[in-house]
Structures are given as structure tokens and as C-alpha cells.
């Protein structure tokens, strides 16, 4: 049974077991004294009695317990905040339905000479990044809805409108907004890599046809170097995937902001229309009330006339 003897005189917490109360009291007294607004010398004088090894051990255990409890509370708060942010993001994205999925959208990309020159100067990863920026920039100019989104609240996450990958052949669910995973990014990289190879092969044929007077060995060495870059020899797949993800996040950041503003505008329009509808309904109700009162007035007038005629008779 709880007794007043097990109540802390500093924080007034009550303990059922005396053992737990004693563990807490030592630690609470230590922190209570430390919080007092005293000078350093006065604090040192207040601790004239040095705690015993057993008391120090109990103090350390209490501190460890408090630290563990605080860590759990912080983890719960972070999880709750993350869940709220994810729900807000999902609600915003549900209002946006792109015409193509992320993988289908990457198939519409075109490769031009500026992209190929970026590969020749650097590597395939830089060429793919240049190609993505160029194509997305053109689509934004046309006002197209992109199947990518990035929000600063959820760092390191790229949202993609696509099917679940890897797919189950027996069950095919409709595309949805989701966090892009390794399969999505590898699929996009693979599609763009093939486009670069096809463009390079066409460019190589034209180059050999138009440069017959060039030294053969020099031309072959140059083409070998270019071919190695196109085929991404000695290149890390993980690095390319991460670089592509970063450039998609960069390009999707502005797009997601536009989607959010569009959603807010639609919501404001809906509220305005609802308010207008309510005003119209109120006006109609007042009109009906006025008509009813007019009809009632006419009925009273008719009754008065009938009574007047009866009196005359």
C-alpha cells in the first residue's frame, strides 16, 4: 500500500516500494542541489559529505535508467513526427495522377549530342544525369505532371509513381505513389544506358563515314575509349544509382512544391464554392420564408373581409 514515507521531498513522486524510493531519492537530491542557483564554491561546500561507493553505484544505475527512458521517449516522438509527415505527404500526392509511371516515363527520354559529349568528357553517370536534367526541364516547360516528387521533410526519400517492384506475376496492382527502391532506380538506369548505347552506335557510324581521312589508329583508340565509357567499364553500379537518385530528387523538389500549391488552391476553390452554395441556400430559404409570410398575410386579409361582410348583413 502506498504510504507518505515513500514520497520524494524534491519532486513529490510517490513509490510503492521503499527500495525504488531510496534509489530515486539519492539521484533526485543530487540533481536538485545541482539546479540551485549557487556559486561554484557554495556548491562544493554543500557536498561536504562524499557519497559511499554503494551510493555512487546506485546513482549511476538511476542515471542509466533515466537516460534509457529518455531515449525511448525521443524515439517515440521521432516516430510519431515521421508518421505525421508521411501521412501529409501521401495525402498531397493522392491528388496527383501522372499519365505515365516512372519507368514508362523514362522510356520517353531522348539522348542528344550534348548528353553524349558529357559521357566522352566524364563518364556514363554524368551523361545520364545531364540527360535527365535536360528532359525534365523540357517537360516542366510544357507543364507536364512528373511521376517523381521529393520533400525536404523526408530526406533521402524519392517518391515515384509506379508499380511495386519487383512485381509478382500472378498479382498486378495498379501504380501508386511510393518510395522509390533499388529496383525502380536500376530499371531507369538500365533504360537510359541502352538509349545511350543506341545513340552512340549511330553516332559511331556517322563518325567513321565522315572522318575517313583521319589517322586510323588514332580514330580506333578514340572510339575504344568512348566505347569503354558508354559500356561503363570500371564503374560502380551503386554510385551511379545514388547519383541518379540525387538528380531526380533535385528535379522533383520543385515539382512537389508545385503539386502542393496546386492542391491548396483546389482546396481553397472547393471551400469558396461550398461557402457560395451555403449562401445561395440561405437566400433561397429566406425567399421561401418571405413567400410563406406573404401567403399568410393574404389569408388573414381574406378572413378579415369575410368577417366584415358578415357584420354588415
C-alpha atoms as a PDB file:
ATOM      1  CA  UNK A   1       0.000   0.000   0.000  1.00  0.00           C
ATOM      2  CA  UNK A   2       1.311   3.479  -0.852  1.00  0.00           C
ATOM      3  CA  UNK A   3       2.499   5.491   2.142  1.00  0.00           C
ATOM      4  CA  UNK A   4       3.662   9.066   2.574  1.00  0.00           C
ATOM      5  CA  UNK A   5       7.012   7.752   3.767  1.00  0.00           C
ATOM      6  CA  UNK A   6       7.900   6.772   0.203  1.00  0.00           C
ATOM      7  CA  UNK A   7       7.271  10.250  -1.252  1.00  0.00           C
ATOM      8  CA  UNK A   8      10.236  12.211  -2.609  1.00  0.00           C
ATOM      9  CA  UNK A   9      10.641  15.577  -0.869  1.00  0.00           C
ATOM     10  CA  UNK A  10      12.081  17.158  -4.039  1.00  0.00           C
ATOM     11  CA  UNK A  11       9.793  16.040  -6.886  1.00  0.00           C
ATOM     12  CA  UNK A  12       6.932  14.691  -4.682  1.00  0.00           C
ATOM     13  CA  UNK A  13       6.805  11.417  -6.568  1.00  0.00           C
ATOM     14  CA  UNK A  14       5.377   8.516  -4.581  1.00  0.00           C
ATOM     15  CA  UNK A  15       6.816   4.989  -4.736  1.00  0.00           C
ATOM     16  CA  UNK A  16       5.161   1.789  -3.648  1.00  0.00           C
ATOM     17  CA  UNK A  17       8.407   0.025  -2.864  1.00  0.00           C
ATOM     18  CA  UNK A  18      10.896   1.514  -0.438  1.00  0.00           C
ATOM     19  CA  UNK A  19      13.810   0.092  -2.427  1.00  0.00           C
ATOM     20  CA  UNK A  20      12.830   2.040  -5.554  1.00  0.00           C
ATOM     21  CA  UNK A  21      12.225   5.156  -3.467  1.00  0.00           C
ATOM     22  CA  UNK A  22      15.721   5.026  -1.988  1.00  0.00           C
ATOM     23  CA  UNK A  23      17.296   4.617  -5.449  1.00  0.00           C
ATOM     24  CA  UNK A  24      15.361   7.597  -6.727  1.00  0.00           C
ATOM     25  CA  UNK A  25      15.886   9.842  -3.684  1.00  0.00           C
ATOM     26  CA  UNK A  26      19.682   9.796  -3.965  1.00  0.00           C
ATOM     27  CA  UNK A  27      19.624  10.762  -7.629  1.00  0.00           C
ATOM     28  CA  UNK A  28      16.860  13.345  -7.229  1.00  0.00           C
ATOM     29  CA  UNK A  29      18.653  15.035  -4.332  1.00  0.00           C
ATOM     30  CA  UNK A  30      21.820  15.268  -6.438  1.00  0.00           C
ATOM     31  CA  UNK A  31      20.020  16.965  -9.330  1.00  0.00           C
ATOM     32  CA  UNK A  32      18.006  19.189  -7.015  1.00  0.00           C
ATOM     33  CA  UNK A  33      21.146  20.591  -5.458  1.00  0.00           C
ATOM     34  CA  UNK A  34      22.817  20.986  -8.854  1.00  0.00           C
ATOM     35  CA  UNK A  35      19.888  23.091 -10.070  1.00  0.00           C
ATOM     36  CA  UNK A  36      20.158  25.563  -7.191  1.00  0.00           C
ATOM     37  CA  UNK A  37      21.452  28.967  -8.246  1.00  0.00           C
ATOM     38  CA  UNK A  38      24.637  28.998  -6.205  1.00  0.00           C
ATOM     39  CA  UNK A  39      28.225  29.849  -6.904  1.00  0.00           C
ATOM     40  CA  UNK A  40      30.731  27.104  -7.583  1.00  0.00           C
ATOM     41  CA  UNK A  41      32.265  27.418  -4.102  1.00  0.00           C
ATOM     42  CA  UNK A  42      28.877  27.179  -2.398  1.00  0.00           C
ATOM     43  CA  UNK A  43      28.025  24.061  -4.397  1.00  0.00           C
ATOM     44  CA  UNK A  44      31.287  22.453  -3.355  1.00  0.00           C
ATOM     45  CA  UNK A  45      30.554  23.288   0.292  1.00  0.00           C
ATOM     46  CA  UNK A  46      27.105  21.719   0.041  1.00  0.00           C
ATOM     47  CA  UNK A  47      28.667  18.383  -0.945  1.00  0.00           C
ATOM     48  CA  UNK A  48      30.852  18.148   2.134  1.00  0.00           C
ATOM     49  CA  UNK A  49      29.796  14.515   2.613  1.00  0.00           C
ATOM     50  CA  UNK A  50      31.336  12.317  -0.062  1.00  0.00           C
ATOM     51  CA  UNK A  51      28.957   9.536  -1.213  1.00  0.00           C
ATOM     52  CA  UNK A  52      29.992   5.986  -0.494  1.00  0.00           C
ATOM     53  CA  UNK A  53      30.858   3.606  -3.375  1.00  0.00           C
ATOM     54  CA  UNK A  54      27.487   1.906  -2.935  1.00  0.00           C
ATOM     55  CA  UNK A  55      25.657   5.257  -3.153  1.00  0.00           C
ATOM     56  CA  UNK A  56      27.646   6.187  -6.259  1.00  0.00           C
ATOM     57  CA  UNK A  57      26.742   2.845  -7.833  1.00  0.00           C
ATOM     58  CA  UNK A  58      23.057   3.430  -7.078  1.00  0.00           C
ATOM     59  CA  UNK A  59      23.350   6.920  -8.556  1.00  0.00           C
ATOM     60  CA  UNK A  60      24.914   5.588 -11.759  1.00  0.00           C
ATOM     61  CA  UNK A  61      22.182   2.967 -12.112  1.00  0.00           C
ATOM     62  CA  UNK A  62      19.495   5.619 -11.699  1.00  0.00           C
ATOM     63  CA  UNK A  63      21.189   7.839 -14.272  1.00  0.00           C
ATOM     64  CA  UNK A  64      21.431   4.949 -16.724  1.00  0.00           C
ATOM     65  CA  UNK A  65      17.744   4.170 -16.207  1.00  0.00           C
ATOM     66  CA  UNK A  66      16.720   7.779 -16.781  1.00  0.00           C
ATOM     67  CA  UNK A  67      18.878   8.030 -19.872  1.00  0.00           C
ATOM     68  CA  UNK A  68      17.357   4.858 -21.341  1.00  0.00           C
ATOM     69  CA  UNK A  69      13.843   6.124 -20.629  1.00  0.00           C
ATOM     70  CA  UNK A  70      14.583   9.477 -22.280  1.00  0.00           C
ATOM     71  CA  UNK A  71      15.993   7.728 -25.346  1.00  0.00           C
ATOM     72  CA  UNK A  72      12.790   5.680 -25.651  1.00  0.00           C
ATOM     73  CA  UNK A  73      10.637   8.812 -25.395  1.00  0.00           C
ATOM     74  CA  UNK A  74      12.717  10.623 -28.025  1.00  0.00           C
ATOM     75  CA  UNK A  75      12.470   7.604 -30.357  1.00  0.00           C
ATOM     76  CA  UNK A  76       8.671   7.564 -29.940  1.00  0.00           C
ATOM     77  CA  UNK A  77       8.437  11.295 -30.651  1.00  0.00           C
ATOM     78  CA  UNK A  78      10.543  10.921 -33.796  1.00  0.00           C
ATOM     79  CA  UNK A  79       8.437   8.009 -34.967  1.00  0.00           C
ATOM     80  CA  UNK A  80       5.221   9.949 -34.348  1.00  0.00           C
ATOM     81  CA  UNK A  81       6.569  13.003 -36.202  1.00  0.00           C
ATOM     82  CA  UNK A  82       7.738  10.858 -39.094  1.00  0.00           C
ATOM     83  CA  UNK A  83       4.329   9.184 -39.335  1.00  0.00           C
ATOM     84  CA  UNK A  84       2.533  12.542 -39.409  1.00  0.00           C
ATOM     85  CA  UNK A  85       4.859  13.843 -42.121  1.00  0.00           C
ATOM     86  CA  UNK A  86       4.356  10.685 -44.183  1.00  0.00           C
ATOM     87  CA  UNK A  87       0.570  10.982 -43.904  1.00  0.00           C
ATOM     88  CA  UNK A  88       0.671  14.631 -45.017  1.00  0.00           C
ATOM     89  CA  UNK A  89       2.879  13.769 -47.984  1.00  0.00           C
ATOM     90  CA  UNK A  90       0.685  10.846 -49.018  1.00  0.00           C
ATOM     91  CA  UNK A  91      -2.481  12.968 -48.805  1.00  0.00           C
ATOM     92  CA  UNK A  92      -0.880  15.601 -51.063  1.00  0.00           C
ATOM     93  CA  UNK A  93       0.315  13.035 -53.581  1.00  0.00           C
ATOM     94  CA  UNK A  94      -3.040  11.240 -53.787  1.00  0.00           C
ATOM     95  CA  UNK A  95      -4.441  14.317 -55.537  1.00  0.00           C
ATOM     96  CA  UNK A  96      -1.894  13.957 -58.358  1.00  0.00           C
ATOM     97  CA  UNK A  97      -2.239  11.263 -61.056  1.00  0.00           C
ATOM     98  CA  UNK A  98       0.541  11.353 -63.678  1.00  0.00           C
ATOM     99  CA  UNK A  99      -0.213   9.982 -67.129  1.00  0.00           C
ATOM    100  CA  UNK A 100       2.820   7.637 -67.045  1.00  0.00           C
ATOM    101  CA  UNK A 101       4.612   5.627 -64.394  1.00  0.00           C
ATOM    102  CA  UNK A 102       8.205   6.439 -63.516  1.00  0.00           C
ATOM    103  CA  UNK A 103       9.672   3.593 -65.596  1.00  0.00           C
ATOM    104  CA  UNK A 104       7.385   4.293 -68.585  1.00  0.00           C
ATOM    105  CA  UNK A 105       8.244   7.971 -68.305  1.00  0.00           C
ATOM    106  CA  UNK A 106      11.995   7.244 -68.522  1.00  0.00           C
ATOM    107  CA  UNK A 107      11.368   5.430 -71.825  1.00  0.00           C
ATOM    108  CA  UNK A 108      10.216   8.728 -73.371  1.00  0.00           C
ATOM    109  CA  UNK A 109      13.592  10.377 -72.708  1.00  0.00           C
ATOM    110  CA  UNK A 110      15.724  11.312 -75.688  1.00  0.00           C
ATOM    111  CA  UNK A 111      19.514  11.364 -75.931  1.00  0.00           C
ATOM    112  CA  UNK A 112      21.269  14.053 -77.961  1.00  0.00           C
ATOM    113  CA  UNK A 113      24.849  15.032 -78.733  1.00  0.00           C
ATOM    114  CA  UNK A 114      25.216  17.197 -75.622  1.00  0.00           C
ATOM    115  CA  UNK A 115      24.457  14.140 -73.456  1.00  0.00           C
ATOM    116  CA  UNK A 116      26.955  12.026 -75.396  1.00  0.00           C
ATOM    117  CA  UNK A 117      29.648  14.692 -75.087  1.00  0.00           C
ATOM    118  CA  UNK A 118      29.136  14.645 -71.336  1.00  0.00           C
ATOM    119  CA  UNK A 119      29.903  10.912 -71.399  1.00  0.00           C
ATOM    120  CA  UNK A 120      33.011  11.449 -73.528  1.00  0.00           C
ATOM    121  CA  UNK A 121      34.285  14.143 -71.167  1.00  0.00           C
ATOM    122  CA  UNK A 122      33.413  12.416 -67.887  1.00  0.00           C
ATOM    123  CA  UNK A 123      31.571   9.069 -67.750  1.00  0.00           C
ATOM    124  CA  UNK A 124      28.179   7.438 -68.304  1.00  0.00           C
ATOM    125  CA  UNK A 125      26.872   8.557 -64.908  1.00  0.00           C
ATOM    126  CA  UNK A 126      27.411  12.224 -65.758  1.00  0.00           C
ATOM    127  CA  UNK A 127      25.832  11.679 -69.167  1.00  0.00           C
ATOM    128  CA  UNK A 128      22.703  10.136 -67.636  1.00  0.00           C
ATOM    129  CA  UNK A 129      22.412  12.995 -65.128  1.00  0.00           C
ATOM    130  CA  UNK A 130      22.748  15.541 -67.944  1.00  0.00           C
ATOM    131  CA  UNK A 131      20.100  13.691 -69.967  1.00  0.00           C
ATOM    132  CA  UNK A 132      17.650  13.600 -67.026  1.00  0.00           C
ATOM    133  CA  UNK A 133      18.011  17.312 -66.301  1.00  0.00           C
ATOM    134  CA  UNK A 134      17.569  18.246 -69.948  1.00  0.00           C
ATOM    135  CA  UNK A 135      14.482  16.086 -70.477  1.00  0.00           C
ATOM    136  CA  UNK A 136      12.775  17.053 -67.223  1.00  0.00           C
ATOM    137  CA  UNK A 137      13.474  20.734 -67.891  1.00  0.00           C
ATOM    138  CA  UNK A 138      11.676  20.437 -71.227  1.00  0.00           C
ATOM    139  CA  UNK A 139       8.703  18.637 -69.673  1.00  0.00           C
ATOM    140  CA  UNK A 140       8.348  21.290 -66.967  1.00  0.00           C
ATOM    141  CA  UNK A 141       8.256  23.958 -69.654  1.00  0.00           C
ATOM    142  CA  UNK A 142       5.291  22.136 -71.222  1.00  0.00           C
ATOM    143  CA  UNK A 143       3.572  21.916 -67.833  1.00  0.00           C
ATOM    144  CA  UNK A 144       3.567  18.121 -67.714  1.00  0.00           C
ATOM    145  CA  UNK A 145       2.896  16.337 -64.406  1.00  0.00           C
ATOM    146  CA  UNK A 146       6.006  14.360 -63.463  1.00  0.00           C
ATOM    147  CA  UNK A 147       5.824  10.982 -61.719  1.00  0.00           C
ATOM    148  CA  UNK A 148       8.511  11.997 -59.203  1.00  0.00           C
ATOM    149  CA  UNK A 149       8.359  14.038 -56.003  1.00  0.00           C
ATOM    150  CA  UNK A 150      10.793  14.979 -53.280  1.00  0.00           C
ATOM    151  CA  UNK A 151      10.050  16.597 -49.910  1.00  0.00           C
ATOM    152  CA  UNK A 152      12.680  18.119 -47.655  1.00  0.00           C
ATOM    153  CA  UNK A 153      10.885  16.767 -44.559  1.00  0.00           C
ATOM    154  CA  UNK A 154      11.667  13.198 -45.699  1.00  0.00           C
ATOM    155  CA  UNK A 155      15.305  13.450 -46.655  1.00  0.00           C
ATOM    156  CA  UNK A 156      16.909  10.664 -48.685  1.00  0.00           C
ATOM    157  CA  UNK A 157      13.463   9.538 -49.895  1.00  0.00           C
ATOM    158  CA  UNK A 158      12.390   9.883 -53.528  1.00  0.00           C
ATOM    159  CA  UNK A 159       8.678   9.376 -54.221  1.00  0.00           C
ATOM    160  CA  UNK A 160       7.850   7.685 -57.505  1.00  0.00           C
ATOM    161  CA  UNK A 161       4.513   6.964 -59.162  1.00  0.00           C
ATOM    162  CA  UNK A 162       4.924   3.375 -60.330  1.00  0.00           C
ATOM    163  CA  UNK A 163       4.101  -0.287 -59.828  1.00  0.00           C
ATOM    164  CA  UNK A 164       5.544  -2.259 -56.949  1.00  0.00           C
ATOM    165  CA  UNK A 165       8.915  -3.687 -57.961  1.00  0.00           C
ATOM    166  CA  UNK A 166       9.838  -6.492 -58.065  1.00  0.00           C
ATOM    167  CA  UNK A 167       6.410  -7.482 -59.352  1.00  0.00           C
ATOM    168  CA  UNK A 168       4.502 -10.650 -58.608  1.00  0.00           C
ATOM    169  CA  UNK A 169       3.491 -12.050 -61.999  1.00  0.00           C
ATOM    170  CA  UNK A 170       0.278 -13.513 -60.579  1.00  0.00           C
ATOM    171  CA  UNK A 171      -0.918 -10.301 -58.904  1.00  0.00           C
ATOM    172  CA  UNK A 172      -0.506  -6.957 -60.677  1.00  0.00           C
ATOM    173  CA  UNK A 173      -1.675  -3.985 -58.629  1.00  0.00           C
ATOM    174  CA  UNK A 174      -2.295  -0.536 -60.140  1.00  0.00           C
ATOM    175  CA  UNK A 175       0.501   2.050 -59.925  1.00  0.00           C
ATOM    176  CA  UNK A 176       0.683   4.247 -56.841  1.00  0.00           C
ATOM    177  CA  UNK A 177       2.888   6.822 -55.160  1.00  0.00           C
ATOM    178  CA  UNK A 178       5.617   5.095 -53.179  1.00  0.00           C
ATOM    179  CA  UNK A 179       9.217   5.492 -52.069  1.00  0.00           C
ATOM    180  CA  UNK A 180      11.478   4.568 -54.985  1.00  0.00           C
ATOM    181  CA  UNK A 181      13.532   1.467 -54.207  1.00  0.00           C
ATOM    182  CA  UNK A 182      16.615  -0.103 -55.755  1.00  0.00           C
ATOM    183  CA  UNK A 183      14.612  -1.953 -58.420  1.00  0.00           C
ATOM    184  CA  UNK A 184      12.954   1.240 -59.683  1.00  0.00           C
ATOM    185  CA  UNK A 185      16.241   3.119 -59.926  1.00  0.00           C
ATOM    186  CA  UNK A 186      18.096   0.218 -61.566  1.00  0.00           C
ATOM    187  CA  UNK A 187      15.305  -0.104 -64.134  1.00  0.00           C
ATOM    188  CA  UNK A 188      15.505   3.598 -65.030  1.00  0.00           C
ATOM    189  CA  UNK A 189      19.313   3.470 -65.236  1.00  0.00           C
ATOM    190  CA  UNK A 190      19.143   0.381 -67.456  1.00  0.00           C
ATOM    191  CA  UNK A 191      16.695   2.025 -69.877  1.00  0.00           C
ATOM    192  CA  UNK A 192      18.776   5.194 -70.178  1.00  0.00           C
ATOM    193  CA  UNK A 193      22.022   3.220 -70.541  1.00  0.00           C
ATOM    194  CA  UNK A 194      20.528   1.341 -73.500  1.00  0.00           C
ATOM    195  CA  UNK A 195      19.425   4.619 -75.093  1.00  0.00           C
ATOM    196  CA  UNK A 196      22.984   5.951 -74.777  1.00  0.00           C
ATOM    197  CA  UNK A 197      24.412   2.805 -76.380  1.00  0.00           C
ATOM    198  CA  UNK A 198      21.980   3.023 -79.315  1.00  0.00           C
ATOM    199  CA  UNK A 199      22.733   6.705 -79.860  1.00  0.00           C
ATOM    200  CA  UNK A 200      26.489   6.050 -79.650  1.00  0.00           C
ATOM    201  CA  UNK A 201      26.327   3.271 -82.259  1.00  0.00           C
ATOM    202  CA  UNK A 202      24.510   5.584 -84.672  1.00  0.00           C
ATOM    203  CA  UNK A 203      26.988   8.375 -83.959  1.00  0.00           C
ATOM    204  CA  UNK A 204      29.936   5.994 -84.486  1.00  0.00           C
ATOM    205  CA  UNK A 205      28.724   5.009 -87.950  1.00  0.00           C
ATOM    206  CA  UNK A 206      28.430   8.651 -88.971  1.00  0.00           C
ATOM    207  CA  UNK A 207      31.808   9.446 -87.432  1.00  0.00           C
ATOM    208  CA  UNK A 208      33.584   6.674 -89.371  1.00  0.00           C
ATOM    209  CA  UNK A 209      31.841   7.725 -92.557  1.00  0.00           C
ATOM    210  CA  UNK A 210      32.721  11.402 -92.243  1.00  0.00           C
ATOM    211  CA  UNK A 211      36.298  11.025 -90.959  1.00  0.00           C
ATOM    212  CA  UNK A 212      37.909   8.583 -93.398  1.00  0.00           C
ATOM    213  CA  UNK A 213      40.951  10.843 -93.829  1.00  0.00           C
ATOM    214  CA  UNK A 214      41.784  10.750 -90.113  1.00  0.00           C
ATOM    215  CA  UNK A 215      44.598   8.507 -88.898  1.00  0.00           C
ATOM    216  CA  UNK A 216      43.127   5.023 -88.449  1.00  0.00           C
ATOM    217  CA  UNK A 217      44.998   4.146 -85.254  1.00  0.00           C
ATOM    218  CA  UNK A 218      44.103   7.462 -83.616  1.00  0.00           C
ATOM    219  CA  UNK A 219      40.455   7.056 -84.591  1.00  0.00           C
ATOM    220  CA  UNK A 220      40.298   3.481 -83.289  1.00  0.00           C
ATOM    221  CA  UNK A 221      41.906   4.405 -79.980  1.00  0.00           C
ATOM    222  CA  UNK A 222      39.450   7.267 -79.541  1.00  0.00           C
ATOM    223  CA  UNK A 223      36.472   5.045 -80.297  1.00  0.00           C
ATOM    224  CA  UNK A 224      37.721   2.354 -77.913  1.00  0.00           C
ATOM    225  CA  UNK A 225      37.920   4.892 -75.082  1.00  0.00           C
ATOM    226  CA  UNK A 226      34.428   6.174 -75.901  1.00  0.00           C
ATOM    227  CA  UNK A 227      33.051   2.637 -76.085  1.00  0.00           C
ATOM    228  CA  UNK A 228      34.507   1.801 -72.662  1.00  0.00           C
ATOM    229  CA  UNK A 229      32.817   4.874 -71.187  1.00  0.00           C
ATOM    230  CA  UNK A 230      29.479   4.046 -72.822  1.00  0.00           C
ATOM    231  CA  UNK A 231      29.648   0.476 -71.512  1.00  0.00           C
ATOM    232  CA  UNK A 232      30.622   1.898 -68.096  1.00  0.00           C
ATOM    233  CA  UNK A 233      33.721  -0.255 -67.705  1.00  0.00           C
ATOM    234  CA  UNK A 234      35.338   0.135 -64.249  1.00  0.00           C
ATOM    235  CA  UNK A 235      32.255   1.974 -62.997  1.00  0.00           C
ATOM    236  CA  UNK A 236      30.420   1.313 -59.726  1.00  0.00           C
ATOM    237  CA  UNK A 237      26.735   0.470 -60.085  1.00  0.00           C
ATOM    238  CA  UNK A 238      25.876   1.683 -56.562  1.00  0.00           C
ATOM    239  CA  UNK A 239      27.468   5.067 -57.209  1.00  0.00           C
ATOM    240  CA  UNK A 240      25.517   5.535 -60.457  1.00  0.00           C
ATOM    241  CA  UNK A 241      22.255   4.578 -58.768  1.00  0.00           C
ATOM    242  CA  UNK A 242      22.825   7.050 -55.922  1.00  0.00           C
ATOM    243  CA  UNK A 243      23.819   9.834 -58.321  1.00  0.00           C
ATOM    244  CA  UNK A 244      20.697   9.281 -60.423  1.00  0.00           C
ATOM    245  CA  UNK A 245      18.561   9.288 -57.278  1.00  0.00           C
ATOM    246  CA  UNK A 246      20.067  12.604 -56.169  1.00  0.00           C
ATOM    247  CA  UNK A 247      19.440  14.317 -59.502  1.00  0.00           C
ATOM    248  CA  UNK A 248      15.839  13.025 -59.542  1.00  0.00           C
ATOM    249  CA  UNK A 249      15.382  14.398 -56.021  1.00  0.00           C
ATOM    250  CA  UNK A 250      16.756  17.745 -57.150  1.00  0.00           C
ATOM    251  CA  UNK A 251      14.407  17.901 -60.134  1.00  0.00           C
ATOM    252  CA  UNK A 252      11.442  16.534 -58.176  1.00  0.00           C
ATOM    253  CA  UNK A 253      11.810  19.073 -55.371  1.00  0.00           C
ATOM    254  CA  UNK A 254      10.347  21.986 -57.341  1.00  0.00           C
ATOM    255  CA  UNK A 255       7.724  19.687 -58.869  1.00  0.00           C
ATOM    256  CA  UNK A 256       6.473  18.546 -55.445  1.00  0.00           C
ATOM    257  CA  UNK A 257       6.223  22.177 -54.293  1.00  0.00           C
ATOM    258  CA  UNK A 258       4.081  22.950 -57.355  1.00  0.00           C
ATOM    259  CA  UNK A 259       1.849  19.947 -56.604  1.00  0.00           C
ATOM    260  CA  UNK A 260       1.360  21.083 -53.009  1.00  0.00           C
ATOM    261  CA  UNK A 261       0.431  24.619 -54.056  1.00  0.00           C
ATOM    262  CA  UNK A 262      -1.973  23.240 -56.667  1.00  0.00           C
ATOM    263  CA  UNK A 263      -3.621  21.044 -54.038  1.00  0.00           C
ATOM    264  CA  UNK A 264      -4.006  24.020 -51.683  1.00  0.00           C
ATOM    265  CA  UNK A 265      -5.504  26.122 -54.496  1.00  0.00           C
ATOM    266  CA  UNK A 266      -8.011  23.377 -55.341  1.00  0.00           C
ATOM    267  CA  UNK A 267      -8.941  23.078 -51.663  1.00  0.00           C
ATOM    268  CA  UNK A 268      -9.447  26.845 -51.389  1.00  0.00           C
ATOM    269  CA  UNK A 269     -11.601  26.827 -54.530  1.00  0.00           C
ATOM    270  CA  UNK A 270     -13.707  23.998 -53.138  1.00  0.00           C
ATOM    271  CA  UNK A 271     -14.207  25.870 -49.853  1.00  0.00           C
ATOM    272  CA  UNK A 272     -15.171  29.035 -51.731  1.00  0.00           C
ATOM    273  CA  UNK A 273     -17.701  27.104 -53.816  1.00  0.00           C
ATOM    274  CA  UNK A 274     -19.102  25.476 -50.659  1.00  0.00           C
ATOM    275  CA  UNK A 275     -19.475  28.874 -48.996  1.00  0.00           C
ATOM    276  CA  UNK A 276     -21.187  30.217 -52.124  1.00  0.00           C
ATOM    277  CA  UNK A 277     -23.512  27.238 -52.125  1.00  0.00           C
ATOM    278  CA  UNK A 278     -24.390  27.803 -48.482  1.00  0.00           C
ATOM    279  CA  UNK A 279     -25.095  31.484 -49.199  1.00  0.00           C
ATOM    280  CA  UNK A 280     -27.384  30.535 -52.101  1.00  0.00           C
ATOM    281  CA  UNK A 281     -29.219  28.044 -49.891  1.00  0.00           C
ATOM    282  CA  UNK A 282     -29.678  30.676 -47.191  1.00  0.00           C
ATOM    283  CA  UNK A 283     -31.031  33.151 -49.764  1.00  0.00           C
ATOM    284  CA  UNK A 284     -33.497  30.564 -51.072  1.00  0.00           C
ATOM    285  CA  UNK A 285     -34.641  29.761 -47.536  1.00  0.00           C
ATOM    286  CA  UNK A 286     -35.236  33.438 -46.779  1.00  0.00           C
ATOM    287  CA  UNK A 287     -37.170  33.809 -50.039  1.00  0.00           C
ATOM    288  CA  UNK A 288     -39.361  30.819 -49.190  1.00  0.00           C
ATOM    289  CA  UNK A 289     -39.983  32.233 -45.720  1.00  0.00           C
ATOM    290  CA  UNK A 290     -40.955  35.592 -47.218  1.00  0.00           C
ATOM    291  CA  UNK A 291     -43.385  33.897 -49.638  1.00  0.00           C
ATOM    292  CA  UNK A 292     -44.932  31.890 -46.809  1.00  0.00           C
ATOM    293  CA  UNK A 293     -45.383  35.044 -44.730  1.00  0.00           C
ATOM    294  CA  UNK A 294     -46.937  36.816 -47.753  1.00  0.00           C
ATOM    295  CA  UNK A 295     -49.380  33.949 -48.257  1.00  0.00           C
ATOM    296  CA  UNK A 296     -50.257  34.035 -44.574  1.00  0.00           C
ATOM    297  CA  UNK A 297     -50.880  37.786 -44.806  1.00  0.00           C
ATOM    298  CA  UNK A 298     -53.182  37.315 -47.768  1.00  0.00           C
ATOM    299  CA  UNK A 299     -55.142  34.648 -45.892  1.00  0.00           C
ATOM    300  CA  UNK A 300     -55.563  36.942 -42.884  1.00  0.00           C
ATOM    301  CA  UNK A 301     -56.795  39.717 -45.189  1.00  0.00           C
ATOM    302  CA  UNK A 302     -59.386  37.413 -46.780  1.00  0.00           C
ATOM    303  CA  UNK A 303     -60.626  36.348 -43.357  1.00  0.00           C
ATOM    304  CA  UNK A 304     -60.974  39.976 -42.268  1.00  0.00           C
ATOM    305  CA  UNK A 305     -63.023  40.809 -45.354  1.00  0.00           C
ATOM    306  CA  UNK A 306     -65.324  37.840 -44.791  1.00  0.00           C
ATOM    307  CA  UNK A 307     -65.939  38.905 -41.180  1.00  0.00           C
ATOM    308  CA  UNK A 308     -66.728  42.464 -42.305  1.00  0.00           C
ATOM    309  CA  UNK A 309     -69.314  41.229 -44.805  1.00  0.00           C
ATOM    310  CA  UNK A 310     -70.985  39.078 -42.147  1.00  0.00           C
ATOM    311  CA  UNK A 311     -71.250  42.049 -39.780  1.00  0.00           C
ATOM    312  CA  UNK A 312     -72.946  44.189 -42.429  1.00  0.00           C
ATOM    313  CA  UNK A 313     -75.517  41.510 -43.064  1.00  0.00           C
END
